[in-house]
Amino acid sequence: MPSAALPRAVFAMDPVHLPLLFPEPLMARLRRTAEIETEVVVRDFSDPTAATALAVTEVLITGWGCPHLDEGATTSMPRLRAVLHAAGSVRSLIGEALWERGVAVSSAVTGNAVPVAEYTLAMILLAGKDVLTHRERFRLSHAQPTPAETATTGNFGRRVGVIGASRVGRRLLELLRPHDFDVLLHDPYVDAAEAAELGARAVSLSDLLLHSDIVTLHAPDIRETRHMLDGDRLALIRDGGILINTSRGALVDQAALTGELVSGRLHAVLDVTDPEPLPADSPLYRLPNVFLTPHIAGSLGNELERLGRIVVEELERLAEGLPLVHEVRRGDLTRLA
């Protein structure tokens, strides 16, 4: 039996994620570190069947499917001192009441950034090899490409524009370093010196769009970034340019982007759209210059264990009175995705 001195913890998420986030070795570590209610997985903070457990909860372990931590939820947990989020951003999860109360918040967002950055790197490399164009051409012709048809193919010296030095953006910049890319970065919070340390050149958004072969989005989804790539800014991307979006669909004016893609002027790799998913009659499902995936860049399958491990390690630090490594401050949410 766990010691009574251990902090009391409760899960709040869709229970379908639990086995992948916390396979038995990690769950055993959780049980050694906290008095955890494994039988209670909260989906509704107003559910009377969860009231007793929530009343004594000191640590809330959250994940996808966790309801919003509004004032009512915060009130139902008077002993709560930490929220450990086994997923990405907590922007839409944490309400003002919880921030005001000073509850510590930790997120596995840095762990979730890893597969997103890996997916993006893979797509940058494939896009640089003109995979979409050559796949369609080969499907129709069954012939090897001519030298003229491969004249613009290749990643040597390809200019990649990264919008947003978020956690994903920074991880991507790290992954881009071994390759022979010329990397531009736009982020209003990053100056030229910091950009250079990250392996990029700081430029304005307009300059990035004008001068990049491949543009990849990694800005946070906040009011100021909604439709940051509108019709006028999309028009700045060179003919044949490639847009990659693994961030949020709302960062792009979907109608304007659809027009550019239908015309064939731009290519796109879209893991996110607005709305999500797109309507069944959207032309993007059928366009040869669009690589569309169903929001799979983030942690899936065995990658979820990485997020669970981060939460377990944070709980162990909390139990030992040590600082949290992945603590999120309210101010982080305006600049980091």
C-alpha atoms as a PDB file:
ATOM      1  CA  MET A   1       0.000   0.000   0.000  1.00  0.00           C
ATOM      2  CA  PRO A   2       1.273   3.517  -0.754  1.00  0.00           C
ATOM      3  CA  SER A   3       2.339   5.584   2.205  1.00  0.00           C
ATOM      4  CA  ALA A   4      -0.196   8.104   3.494  1.00  0.00           C
ATOM      5  CA  ALA A   5       2.551  10.728   3.152  1.00  0.00           C
ATOM      6  CA  LEU A   6       2.495  10.387  -0.615  1.00  0.00           C
ATOM      7  CA  PRO A   7       0.615  13.094  -2.546  1.00  0.00           C
ATOM      8  CA  ARG A   8      -2.866  12.136  -3.683  1.00  0.00           C
ATOM      9  CA  ALA A   9      -3.305  12.153  -7.463  1.00  0.00           C
ATOM     10  CA  VAL A  10      -6.194  11.713  -9.878  1.00  0.00           C
ATOM     11  CA  PHE A  11      -6.324  11.286 -13.669  1.00  0.00           C
ATOM     12  CA  ALA A  12      -8.444  13.671 -15.743  1.00  0.00           C
ATOM     13  CA  MET A  13      -8.472  12.670 -19.407  1.00  0.00           C
ATOM     14  CA  ASP A  14     -10.050  10.309 -21.887  1.00  0.00           C
ATOM     15  CA  PRO A  15      -9.246   6.899 -20.332  1.00  0.00           C
ATOM     16  CA  VAL A  16      -8.497   5.442 -23.765  1.00  0.00           C
ATOM     17  CA  HIS A  17      -5.095   7.178 -23.604  1.00  0.00           C
ATOM     18  CA  LEU A  18      -4.032   5.791 -20.212  1.00  0.00           C
ATOM     19  CA  PRO A  19      -2.513   2.446 -21.295  1.00  0.00           C
ATOM     20  CA  LEU A  20      -0.260   4.084 -23.908  1.00  0.00           C
ATOM     21  CA  LEU A  21       0.694   7.076 -21.782  1.00  0.00           C
ATOM     22  CA  PHE A  22       1.407   4.947 -18.715  1.00  0.00           C
ATOM     23  CA  PRO A  23       2.262   1.334 -19.577  1.00  0.00           C
ATOM     24  CA  GLU A  24       2.726  -0.858 -16.535  1.00  0.00           C
ATOM     25  CA  PRO A  25       6.365   0.058 -15.712  1.00  0.00           C
ATOM     26  CA  LEU A  26       5.441   3.760 -15.692  1.00  0.00           C
ATOM     27  CA  MET A  27       2.204   3.119 -13.834  1.00  0.00           C
ATOM     28  CA  ALA A  28       4.194   1.246 -11.190  1.00  0.00           C
ATOM     29  CA  ARG A  29       6.445   4.298 -10.777  1.00  0.00           C
ATOM     30  CA  LEU A  30       3.359   6.467 -10.391  1.00  0.00           C
ATOM     31  CA  ARG A  31       1.989   4.197  -7.671  1.00  0.00           C
ATOM     32  CA  ARG A  32       5.322   4.332  -5.819  1.00  0.00           C
ATOM     33  CA  THR A  33       5.287   8.130  -5.963  1.00  0.00           C
ATOM     34  CA  ALA A  34       1.664   9.009  -5.302  1.00  0.00           C
ATOM     35  CA  GLU A  35      -1.470   7.644  -3.751  1.00  0.00           C
ATOM     36  CA  ILE A  36      -3.223   7.484  -7.083  1.00  0.00           C
ATOM     37  CA  GLU A  37      -6.895   6.794  -7.759  1.00  0.00           C
ATOM     38  CA  THR A  38      -6.523   4.511 -10.779  1.00  0.00           C
ATOM     39  CA  GLU A  39     -10.206   3.583 -10.615  1.00  0.00           C
ATOM     40  CA  VAL A  40     -11.246   7.235 -11.037  1.00  0.00           C
ATOM     41  CA  VAL A  41     -10.591   8.921 -14.398  1.00  0.00           C
ATOM     42  CA  VAL A  42     -12.391  12.260 -14.414  1.00  0.00           C
ATOM     43  CA  ARG A  43     -14.223  13.357 -17.578  1.00  0.00           C
ATOM     44  CA  ASP A  44     -16.485  15.888 -15.864  1.00  0.00           C
ATOM     45  CA  PHE A  45     -15.418  17.899 -12.814  1.00  0.00           C
ATOM     46  CA  SER A  46     -19.042  18.350 -11.770  1.00  0.00           C
ATOM     47  CA  ASP A  47     -19.676  14.586 -11.709  1.00  0.00           C
ATOM     48  CA  PRO A  48     -20.761  13.741  -8.132  1.00  0.00           C
ATOM     49  CA  THR A  49     -19.094  10.314  -8.340  1.00  0.00           C
ATOM     50  CA  ALA A  50     -15.712  12.058  -8.617  1.00  0.00           C
ATOM     51  CA  ALA A  51     -16.355  14.638  -5.876  1.00  0.00           C
ATOM     52  CA  THR A  52     -14.811  12.655  -3.024  1.00  0.00           C
ATOM     53  CA  ALA A  53     -11.589  11.960  -4.912  1.00  0.00           C
ATOM     54  CA  LEU A  54     -11.308  15.543  -6.185  1.00  0.00           C
ATOM     55  CA  ALA A  55     -11.814  16.975  -2.690  1.00  0.00           C
ATOM     56  CA  VAL A  56      -8.515  15.465  -1.531  1.00  0.00           C
ATOM     57  CA  THR A  57      -6.604  15.667  -4.824  1.00  0.00           C
ATOM     58  CA  GLU A  58      -3.226  17.358  -4.587  1.00  0.00           C
ATOM     59  CA  VAL A  59      -1.948  16.477  -8.069  1.00  0.00           C
ATOM     60  CA  LEU A  60      -4.116  16.325 -11.169  1.00  0.00           C
ATOM     61  CA  ILE A  61      -2.671  14.300 -14.070  1.00  0.00           C
ATOM     62  CA  THR A  62      -4.340  15.549 -17.211  1.00  0.00           C
ATOM     63  CA  GLY A  63      -4.285  14.640 -20.888  1.00  0.00           C
ATOM     64  CA  TRP A  64      -6.344  14.774 -24.060  1.00  0.00           C
ATOM     65  CA  GLY A  65     -10.021  14.743 -23.183  1.00  0.00           C
ATOM     66  CA  CYS A  66      -9.584  16.587 -19.904  1.00  0.00           C
ATOM     67  CA  PRO A  67     -12.392  19.098 -19.360  1.00  0.00           C
ATOM     68  CA  HIS A  68     -11.548  22.780 -18.998  1.00  0.00           C
ATOM     69  CA  LEU A  69     -10.198  23.674 -15.571  1.00  0.00           C
ATOM     70  CA  ASP A  70     -12.606  26.533 -14.958  1.00  0.00           C
ATOM     71  CA  GLU A  71     -13.509  28.188 -11.667  1.00  0.00           C
ATOM     72  CA  GLY A  72     -15.917  25.404 -10.708  1.00  0.00           C
ATOM     73  CA  ALA A  73     -13.331  22.711 -11.340  1.00  0.00           C
ATOM     74  CA  THR A  74     -10.720  24.644  -9.371  1.00  0.00           C
ATOM     75  CA  THR A  75     -13.120  25.076  -6.451  1.00  0.00           C
ATOM     76  CA  SER A  76     -13.823  21.324  -6.381  1.00  0.00           C
ATOM     77  CA  MET A  77     -10.125  20.673  -5.611  1.00  0.00           C
ATOM     78  CA  PRO A  78      -9.235  22.835  -2.597  1.00  0.00           C
ATOM     79  CA  ARG A  79      -6.007  20.902  -1.931  1.00  0.00           C
ATOM     80  CA  LEU A  80      -4.743  20.987  -5.528  1.00  0.00           C
ATOM     81  CA  ARG A  81      -1.157  22.165  -5.817  1.00  0.00           C
ATOM     82  CA  ALA A  82      -0.033  20.876  -9.219  1.00  0.00           C
ATOM     83  CA  VAL A  83      -1.407  20.001 -12.650  1.00  0.00           C
ATOM     84  CA  LEU A  84       0.804  17.667 -14.691  1.00  0.00           C
ATOM     85  CA  HIS A  85      -0.326  17.593 -18.310  1.00  0.00           C
ATOM     86  CA  ALA A  86       0.553  14.467 -20.309  1.00  0.00           C
ATOM     87  CA  ALA A  87      -0.053  16.170 -23.656  1.00  0.00           C
ATOM     88  CA  GLY A  88       0.818  19.373 -25.481  1.00  0.00           C
ATOM     89  CA  SER A  89      -0.138  22.982 -24.845  1.00  0.00           C
ATOM     90  CA  VAL A  90      -2.195  23.867 -21.759  1.00  0.00           C
ATOM     91  CA  ARG A  91      -3.467  27.072 -23.406  1.00  0.00           C
ATOM     92  CA  SER A  92      -7.075  25.889 -23.694  1.00  0.00           C
ATOM     93  CA  LEU A  93      -6.996  23.770 -20.525  1.00  0.00           C
ATOM     94  CA  ILE A  94      -6.098  26.107 -17.672  1.00  0.00           C
ATOM     95  CA  GLY A  95      -8.656  28.706 -16.570  1.00  0.00           C
ATOM     96  CA  GLU A  96      -7.954  32.045 -14.925  1.00  0.00           C
ATOM     97  CA  ALA A  97      -9.034  30.819 -11.477  1.00  0.00           C
ATOM     98  CA  LEU A  98      -6.340  28.162 -11.421  1.00  0.00           C
ATOM     99  CA  TRP A  99      -3.623  30.562 -12.602  1.00  0.00           C
ATOM    100  CA  GLU A 100      -4.733  33.088  -9.985  1.00  0.00           C
ATOM    101  CA  ARG A 101      -4.514  30.464  -7.254  1.00  0.00           C
ATOM    102  CA  GLY A 102      -0.874  29.826  -8.073  1.00  0.00           C
ATOM    103  CA  VAL A 103      -1.193  26.106  -8.764  1.00  0.00           C
ATOM    104  CA  ALA A 104       1.975  24.778 -10.413  1.00  0.00           C
ATOM    105  CA  VAL A 105       1.404  23.672 -13.998  1.00  0.00           C
ATOM    106  CA  SER A 106       3.705  21.340 -15.904  1.00  0.00           C
ATOM    107  CA  SER A 107       3.289  20.100 -19.459  1.00  0.00           C
ATOM    108  CA  ALA A 108       4.855  17.411 -21.603  1.00  0.00           C
ATOM    109  CA  VAL A 109       4.672  19.823 -24.531  1.00  0.00           C
ATOM    110  CA  THR A 110       8.430  19.561 -25.106  1.00  0.00           C
ATOM    111  CA  GLY A 111       8.025  15.808 -25.517  1.00  0.00           C
ATOM    112  CA  ASN A 112       5.127  16.293 -27.899  1.00  0.00           C
ATOM    113  CA  ALA A 113       7.269  18.724 -29.906  1.00  0.00           C
ATOM    114  CA  VAL A 114       9.666  15.926 -30.834  1.00  0.00           C
ATOM    115  CA  PRO A 115       7.451  13.945 -33.268  1.00  0.00           C
ATOM    116  CA  VAL A 116       6.006  17.159 -34.741  1.00  0.00           C
ATOM    117  CA  ALA A 117       9.501  18.423 -35.520  1.00  0.00           C
ATOM    118  CA  GLU A 118      10.501  15.005 -36.870  1.00  0.00           C
ATOM    119  CA  TYR A 119       7.445  14.895 -39.142  1.00  0.00           C
ATOM    120  CA  THR A 120       8.185  18.420 -40.351  1.00  0.00           C
ATOM    121  CA  LEU A 121      11.826  17.633 -41.079  1.00  0.00           C
ATOM    122  CA  ALA A 122      10.795  14.556 -43.044  1.00  0.00           C
ATOM    123  CA  MET A 123       8.353  16.606 -45.096  1.00  0.00           C
ATOM    124  CA  ILE A 124      10.916  19.354 -45.724  1.00  0.00           C
ATOM    125  CA  LEU A 125      13.386  16.781 -47.055  1.00  0.00           C
ATOM    126  CA  LEU A 126      10.763  15.104 -49.218  1.00  0.00           C
ATOM    127  CA  ALA A 127       9.448  18.435 -50.476  1.00  0.00           C
ATOM    128  CA  GLY A 128      12.974  19.500 -51.389  1.00  0.00           C
ATOM    129  CA  LYS A 129      13.233  16.402 -53.550  1.00  0.00           C
ATOM    130  CA  ASP A 130      10.002  17.452 -55.318  1.00  0.00           C
ATOM    131  CA  VAL A 131       8.401  14.196 -54.233  1.00  0.00           C
ATOM    132  CA  LEU A 132       4.845  15.361 -54.921  1.00  0.00           C
ATOM    133  CA  THR A 133       5.664  16.424 -58.476  1.00  0.00           C
ATOM    134  CA  HIS A 134       7.763  13.374 -59.313  1.00  0.00           C
ATOM    135  CA  ARG A 135       5.247  10.969 -57.788  1.00  0.00           C
ATOM    136  CA  GLU A 136       2.437  12.313 -59.958  1.00  0.00           C
ATOM    137  CA  ARG A 137       4.583  12.449 -63.066  1.00  0.00           C
ATOM    138  CA  PHE A 138       5.836   8.879 -62.562  1.00  0.00           C
ATOM    139  CA  ARG A 139       2.318   7.634 -61.884  1.00  0.00           C
ATOM    140  CA  LEU A 140       1.230   8.909 -65.277  1.00  0.00           C
ATOM    141  CA  SER A 141       4.322   8.359 -67.408  1.00  0.00           C
ATOM    142  CA  HIS A 142       6.007   5.299 -65.812  1.00  0.00           C
ATOM    143  CA  ALA A 143       9.239   6.887 -67.067  1.00  0.00           C
ATOM    144  CA  GLN A 144      12.400   8.134 -65.406  1.00  0.00           C
ATOM    145  CA  PRO A 145      12.530  11.939 -65.171  1.00  0.00           C
ATOM    146  CA  THR A 146      14.637  13.861 -67.639  1.00  0.00           C
ATOM    147  CA  PRO A 147      17.465  16.172 -66.505  1.00  0.00           C
ATOM    148  CA  ALA A 148      15.215  19.120 -67.317  1.00  0.00           C
ATOM    149  CA  GLU A 149      12.509  17.721 -65.051  1.00  0.00           C
ATOM    150  CA  THR A 150      14.933  17.416 -62.114  1.00  0.00           C
ATOM    151  CA  ALA A 151      16.744  20.720 -62.633  1.00  0.00           C
ATOM    152  CA  THR A 152      15.101  22.323 -59.569  1.00  0.00           C
ATOM    153  CA  THR A 153      15.140  19.171 -57.419  1.00  0.00           C
ATOM    154  CA  GLY A 154      17.359  18.842 -54.363  1.00  0.00           C
ATOM    155  CA  ASN A 155      17.994  20.043 -50.816  1.00  0.00           C
ATOM    156  CA  PHE A 156      21.473  21.524 -51.197  1.00  0.00           C
ATOM    157  CA  GLY A 157      21.203  25.198 -50.320  1.00  0.00           C
ATOM    158  CA  ARG A 158      17.411  25.066 -50.199  1.00  0.00           C
ATOM    159  CA  ARG A 159      16.037  28.026 -48.241  1.00  0.00           C
ATOM    160  CA  VAL A 160      13.675  27.056 -45.433  1.00  0.00           C
ATOM    161  CA  GLY A 161      11.614  29.694 -43.648  1.00  0.00           C
ATOM    162  CA  VAL A 162      10.555  28.802 -40.095  1.00  0.00           C
ATOM    163  CA  ILE A 163       7.718  30.906 -38.678  1.00  0.00           C
ATOM    164  CA  GLY A 164       7.806  30.731 -34.886  1.00  0.00           C
ATOM    165  CA  ALA A 165      10.578  29.765 -32.484  1.00  0.00           C
ATOM    166  CA  SER A 166       8.108  27.765 -30.432  1.00  0.00           C
ATOM    167  CA  ARG A 167       9.095  24.528 -28.771  1.00  0.00           C
ATOM    168  CA  VAL A 168       8.418  22.713 -32.036  1.00  0.00           C
ATOM    169  CA  GLY A 169      10.149  25.442 -34.010  1.00  0.00           C
ATOM    170  CA  ARG A 170      13.261  25.252 -31.842  1.00  0.00           C
ATOM    171  CA  ARG A 171      13.382  21.479 -32.034  1.00  0.00           C
ATOM    172  CA  LEU A 172      13.029  21.699 -35.816  1.00  0.00           C
ATOM    173  CA  LEU A 173      15.846  24.248 -36.029  1.00  0.00           C
ATOM    174  CA  GLU A 174      18.017  21.801 -34.119  1.00  0.00           C
ATOM    175  CA  LEU A 175      17.126  18.977 -36.524  1.00  0.00           C
ATOM    176  CA  LEU A 176      17.827  21.180 -39.550  1.00  0.00           C
ATOM    177  CA  ARG A 177      21.402  21.908 -38.466  1.00  0.00           C
ATOM    178  CA  PRO A 178      23.104  18.824 -40.020  1.00  0.00           C
ATOM    179  CA  HIS A 179      21.569  19.568 -43.422  1.00  0.00           C
ATOM    180  CA  ASP A 180      22.746  22.016 -46.071  1.00  0.00           C
ATOM    181  CA  PHE A 181      19.826  24.409 -45.741  1.00  0.00           C
ATOM    182  CA  ASP A 182      19.777  28.186 -45.575  1.00  0.00           C
ATOM    183  CA  VAL A 183      17.380  28.797 -42.685  1.00  0.00           C
ATOM    184  CA  LEU A 184      15.361  31.962 -42.115  1.00  0.00           C
ATOM    185  CA  LEU A 185      13.394  32.575 -38.912  1.00  0.00           C
ATOM    186  CA  HIS A 186      10.577  34.962 -38.109  1.00  0.00           C
ATOM    187  CA  ASP A 187       9.552  35.351 -34.485  1.00  0.00           C
ATOM    188  CA  PRO A 188       8.788  38.735 -32.896  1.00  0.00           C
ATOM    189  CA  TYR A 189      10.337  37.577 -29.616  1.00  0.00           C
ATOM    190  CA  VAL A 190      13.665  36.450 -31.117  1.00  0.00           C
ATOM    191  CA  ASP A 191      16.397  38.913 -32.057  1.00  0.00           C
ATOM    192  CA  ALA A 192      19.215  38.426 -34.569  1.00  0.00           C
ATOM    193  CA  ALA A 193      21.686  37.147 -31.974  1.00  0.00           C
ATOM    194  CA  GLU A 194      19.355  34.489 -30.596  1.00  0.00           C
ATOM    195  CA  ALA A 195      18.306  33.459 -34.102  1.00  0.00           C
ATOM    196  CA  ALA A 196      21.975  32.958 -34.995  1.00  0.00           C
ATOM    197  CA  GLU A 197      22.404  30.757 -31.921  1.00  0.00           C
ATOM    198  CA  LEU A 198      19.450  28.708 -33.177  1.00  0.00           C
ATOM    199  CA  GLY A 199      21.097  28.324 -36.584  1.00  0.00           C
ATOM    200  CA  ALA A 200      18.971  30.786 -38.521  1.00  0.00           C
ATOM    201  CA  ARG A 201      18.810  34.370 -39.766  1.00  0.00           C
ATOM    202  CA  ALA A 202      16.127  36.584 -38.242  1.00  0.00           C
ATOM    203  CA  VAL A 203      13.955  38.268 -40.867  1.00  0.00           C
ATOM    204  CA  SER A 204      10.579  39.934 -41.144  1.00  0.00           C
ATOM    205  CA  LEU A 205       7.580  37.800 -42.020  1.00  0.00           C
ATOM    206  CA  SER A 206       7.325  39.417 -45.465  1.00  0.00           C
ATOM    207  CA  ASP A 207      10.995  38.762 -46.217  1.00  0.00           C
ATOM    208  CA  LEU A 208      10.691  35.165 -45.071  1.00  0.00           C
ATOM    209  CA  LEU A 209       7.727  34.558 -47.361  1.00  0.00           C
ATOM    210  CA  LEU A 210       9.367  36.306 -50.309  1.00  0.00           C
ATOM    211  CA  HIS A 211      12.691  34.508 -50.088  1.00  0.00           C
ATOM    212  CA  SER A 212      11.920  30.971 -48.845  1.00  0.00           C
ATOM    213  CA  ASP A 213      11.525  27.882 -51.003  1.00  0.00           C
ATOM    214  CA  ILE A 214       9.757  26.082 -48.162  1.00  0.00           C
ATOM    215  CA  VAL A 215       7.724  27.844 -45.450  1.00  0.00           C
ATOM    216  CA  THR A 216       6.865  25.941 -42.270  1.00  0.00           C
ATOM    217  CA  LEU A 217       4.502  27.210 -39.568  1.00  0.00           C
ATOM    218  CA  HIS A 218       5.207  26.818 -35.839  1.00  0.00           C
ATOM    219  CA  ALA A 219       3.572  29.865 -34.235  1.00  0.00           C
ATOM    220  CA  PRO A 220       1.153  29.613 -31.292  1.00  0.00           C
ATOM    221  CA  ASP A 221      -2.577  29.660 -31.976  1.00  0.00           C
ATOM    222  CA  ILE A 222      -3.610  32.937 -30.351  1.00  0.00           C
ATOM    223  CA  ARG A 223      -5.811  35.831 -31.389  1.00  0.00           C
ATOM    224  CA  GLU A 224      -2.872  37.761 -32.851  1.00  0.00           C
ATOM    225  CA  THR A 225      -1.824  34.894 -35.134  1.00  0.00           C
ATOM    226  CA  ARG A 226      -5.236  34.012 -36.566  1.00  0.00           C
ATOM    227  CA  HIS A 227      -4.954  34.102 -40.367  1.00  0.00           C
ATOM    228  CA  MET A 228      -1.398  35.439 -40.096  1.00  0.00           C
ATOM    229  CA  LEU A 229      -1.004  33.934 -43.561  1.00  0.00           C
ATOM    230  CA  ASP A 230      -3.895  35.638 -45.334  1.00  0.00           C
ATOM    231  CA  GLY A 231      -4.341  36.020 -49.066  1.00  0.00           C
ATOM    232  CA  ASP A 232      -1.881  38.918 -49.359  1.00  0.00           C
ATOM    233  CA  ARG A 233       0.859  37.105 -47.464  1.00  0.00           C
ATOM    234  CA  LEU A 234       0.322  33.803 -49.262  1.00  0.00           C
ATOM    235  CA  ALA A 235       0.753  35.735 -52.507  1.00  0.00           C
ATOM    236  CA  LEU A 236       4.296  36.645 -51.401  1.00  0.00           C
ATOM    237  CA  ILE A 237       5.439  33.006 -51.553  1.00  0.00           C
ATOM    238  CA  ARG A 238       7.208  32.328 -54.834  1.00  0.00           C
ATOM    239  CA  ASP A 239       5.542  30.324 -57.581  1.00  0.00           C
ATOM    240  CA  GLY A 240       6.087  26.647 -56.836  1.00  0.00           C
ATOM    241  CA  GLY A 241       6.801  27.372 -53.171  1.00  0.00           C
ATOM    242  CA  ILE A 242       5.811  24.870 -50.505  1.00  0.00           C
ATOM    243  CA  LEU A 243       3.840  25.588 -47.334  1.00  0.00           C
ATOM    244  CA  ILE A 244       4.000  23.119 -44.441  1.00  0.00           C
ATOM    245  CA  ASN A 245       1.560  23.471 -41.562  1.00  0.00           C
ATOM    246  CA  THR A 246       1.853  21.191 -38.536  1.00  0.00           C
ATOM    247  CA  SER A 247       0.762  23.897 -36.086  1.00  0.00           C
ATOM    248  CA  ARG A 248      -2.900  24.932 -36.276  1.00  0.00           C
ATOM    249  CA  GLY A 249      -5.160  25.436 -39.255  1.00  0.00           C
ATOM    250  CA  ALA A 250      -6.412  28.803 -37.973  1.00  0.00           C
ATOM    251  CA  LEU A 251      -3.006  30.371 -38.654  1.00  0.00           C
ATOM    252  CA  VAL A 252      -3.845  30.296 -42.370  1.00  0.00           C
ATOM    253  CA  ASP A 253      -6.800  31.743 -44.266  1.00  0.00           C
ATOM    254  CA  GLN A 254      -8.128  28.411 -45.520  1.00  0.00           C
ATOM    255  CA  ALA A 255     -10.132  29.906 -48.384  1.00  0.00           C
ATOM    256  CA  ALA A 256      -7.161  31.894 -49.660  1.00  0.00           C
ATOM    257  CA  LEU A 257      -4.867  28.876 -49.369  1.00  0.00           C
ATOM    258  CA  THR A 258      -7.362  26.659 -51.174  1.00  0.00           C
ATOM    259  CA  GLY A 259      -7.447  29.158 -54.029  1.00  0.00           C
ATOM    260  CA  GLU A 260      -3.653  29.132 -54.320  1.00  0.00           C
ATOM    261  CA  LEU A 261      -3.553  25.339 -54.274  1.00  0.00           C
ATOM    262  CA  VAL A 262      -6.386  24.860 -56.764  1.00  0.00           C
ATOM    263  CA  SER A 263      -4.567  27.226 -59.142  1.00  0.00           C
ATOM    264  CA  GLY A 264      -1.478  25.038 -58.817  1.00  0.00           C
ATOM    265  CA  ARG A 265       0.747  28.001 -57.938  1.00  0.00           C
ATOM    266  CA  LEU A 266       1.719  26.607 -54.532  1.00  0.00           C
ATOM    267  CA  HIS A 267       2.296  23.177 -53.038  1.00  0.00           C
ATOM    268  CA  ALA A 268       1.355  22.276 -49.474  1.00  0.00           C
ATOM    269  CA  VAL A 269       1.891  19.682 -46.768  1.00  0.00           C
ATOM    270  CA  LEU A 270      -1.020  20.080 -44.373  1.00  0.00           C
ATOM    271  CA  ASP A 271      -1.362  18.068 -41.186  1.00  0.00           C
ATOM    272  CA  VAL A 272      -3.827  20.634 -39.834  1.00  0.00           C
ATOM    273  CA  THR A 273      -6.603  22.609 -41.507  1.00  0.00           C
ATOM    274  CA  ASP A 274      -9.456  24.950 -40.645  1.00  0.00           C
ATOM    275  CA  PRO A 275     -11.941  23.363 -40.147  1.00  0.00           C
ATOM    276  CA  GLU A 276     -10.548  20.018 -39.139  1.00  0.00           C
ATOM    277  CA  PRO A 277     -11.253  17.776 -40.883  1.00  0.00           C
ATOM    278  CA  LEU A 278     -12.100  19.577 -44.095  1.00  0.00           C
ATOM    279  CA  PRO A 279     -15.539  19.029 -45.638  1.00  0.00           C
ATOM    280  CA  ALA A 280     -15.784  15.899 -47.769  1.00  0.00           C
ATOM    281  CA  ASP A 281     -16.138  17.990 -50.941  1.00  0.00           C
ATOM    282  CA  SER A 282     -12.929  19.979 -50.355  1.00  0.00           C
ATOM    283  CA  PRO A 283     -10.709  19.888 -53.460  1.00  0.00           C
ATOM    284  CA  LEU A 284      -7.631  19.524 -51.234  1.00  0.00           C
ATOM    285  CA  TYR A 285      -8.327  15.797 -50.872  1.00  0.00           C
ATOM    286  CA  ARG A 286      -7.817  15.337 -54.605  1.00  0.00           C
ATOM    287  CA  LEU A 287      -5.138  17.853 -55.608  1.00  0.00           C
ATOM    288  CA  PRO A 288      -1.808  16.335 -56.715  1.00  0.00           C
ATOM    289  CA  ASN A 289       0.114  19.292 -55.226  1.00  0.00           C
ATOM    290  CA  VAL A 290      -1.295  18.743 -51.707  1.00  0.00           C
ATOM    291  CA  PHE A 291      -0.102  16.189 -49.164  1.00  0.00           C
ATOM    292  CA  LEU A 292      -2.883  16.038 -46.592  1.00  0.00           C
ATOM    293  CA  THR A 293      -2.673  14.058 -43.340  1.00  0.00           C
ATOM    294  CA  PRO A 294      -5.209  13.790 -40.450  1.00  0.00           C
ATOM    295  CA  HIS A 295      -3.346  15.615 -37.642  1.00  0.00           C
ATOM    296  CA  ILE A 296      -0.832  12.825 -37.077  1.00  0.00           C
ATOM    297  CA  ALA A 297       2.359  14.845 -36.571  1.00  0.00           C
ATOM    298  CA  GLY A 298       1.939  14.963 -32.786  1.00  0.00           C
ATOM    299  CA  SER A 299       2.449  12.054 -30.433  1.00  0.00           C
ATOM    300  CA  LEU A 300       0.657   8.857 -31.442  1.00  0.00           C
ATOM    301  CA  GLY A 301       1.006   5.179 -30.564  1.00  0.00           C
ATOM    302  CA  ASN A 302       4.296   4.378 -28.862  1.00  0.00           C
ATOM    303  CA  GLU A 303       5.246   8.074 -28.830  1.00  0.00           C
ATOM    304  CA  LEU A 304       2.712   8.650 -26.047  1.00  0.00           C
ATOM    305  CA  GLU A 305       4.952   6.833 -23.582  1.00  0.00           C
ATOM    306  CA  ARG A 306       7.449   9.700 -23.898  1.00  0.00           C
ATOM    307  CA  LEU A 307       4.774  12.073 -22.572  1.00  0.00           C
ATOM    308  CA  GLY A 308       3.880   9.728 -19.736  1.00  0.00           C
ATOM    309  CA  ARG A 309       7.523   9.440 -18.731  1.00  0.00           C
ATOM    310  CA  ILE A 310       7.840  13.227 -18.532  1.00  0.00           C
ATOM    311  CA  VAL A 311       4.829  13.380 -16.199  1.00  0.00           C
ATOM    312  CA  VAL A 312       6.146  10.560 -13.994  1.00  0.00           C
ATOM    313  CA  GLU A 313       9.506  12.305 -13.668  1.00  0.00           C
ATOM    314  CA  GLU A 314       7.786  15.569 -12.786  1.00  0.00           C
ATOM    315  CA  LEU A 315       5.684  13.828 -10.136  1.00  0.00           C
ATOM    316  CA  GLU A 316       8.822  12.274  -8.655  1.00  0.00           C
ATOM    317  CA  ARG A 317      10.444  15.717  -8.455  1.00  0.00           C
ATOM    318  CA  LEU A 318       7.313  17.141  -6.852  1.00  0.00           C
ATOM    319  CA  ALA A 319       7.258  14.371  -4.251  1.00  0.00           C
ATOM    320  CA  GLU A 320      10.917  15.069  -3.423  1.00  0.00           C
ATOM    321  CA  GLY A 321      10.363  18.812  -3.117  1.00  0.00           C
ATOM    322  CA  LEU A 322      12.430  19.583  -6.220  1.00  0.00           C
ATOM    323  CA  PRO A 323      11.588  22.220  -8.862  1.00  0.00           C
ATOM    324  CA  LEU A 324       9.568  21.093 -11.863  1.00  0.00           C
ATOM    325  CA  VAL A 325      11.615  20.932 -15.056  1.00  0.00           C
ATOM    326  CA  HIS A 326       8.693  21.390 -17.451  1.00  0.00           C
ATOM    327  CA  GLU A 327       6.753  24.051 -15.538  1.00  0.00           C
ATOM    328  CA  VAL A 328       4.615  26.352 -17.675  1.00  0.00           C
ATOM    329  CA  ARG A 329       4.216  30.010 -16.798  1.00  0.00           C
ATOM    330  CA  ARG A 330       1.179  31.964 -17.902  1.00  0.00           C
ATOM    331  CA  GLY A 331       3.395  34.305 -19.946  1.00  0.00           C
ATOM    332  CA  ASP A 332       4.787  31.387 -21.955  1.00  0.00           C
ATOM    333  CA  LEU A 333       1.434  30.889 -23.649  1.00  0.00           C
ATOM    334  CA  THR A 334       1.698  34.046 -25.765  1.00  0.00           C
ATOM    335  CA  ARG A 335       5.000  33.105 -27.382  1.00  0.00           C
ATOM    336  CA  LEU A 336       5.454  29.338 -27.247  1.00  0.00           C
ATOM    337  CA  ALA A 337       3.344  26.682 -28.946  1.00  0.00           C
END
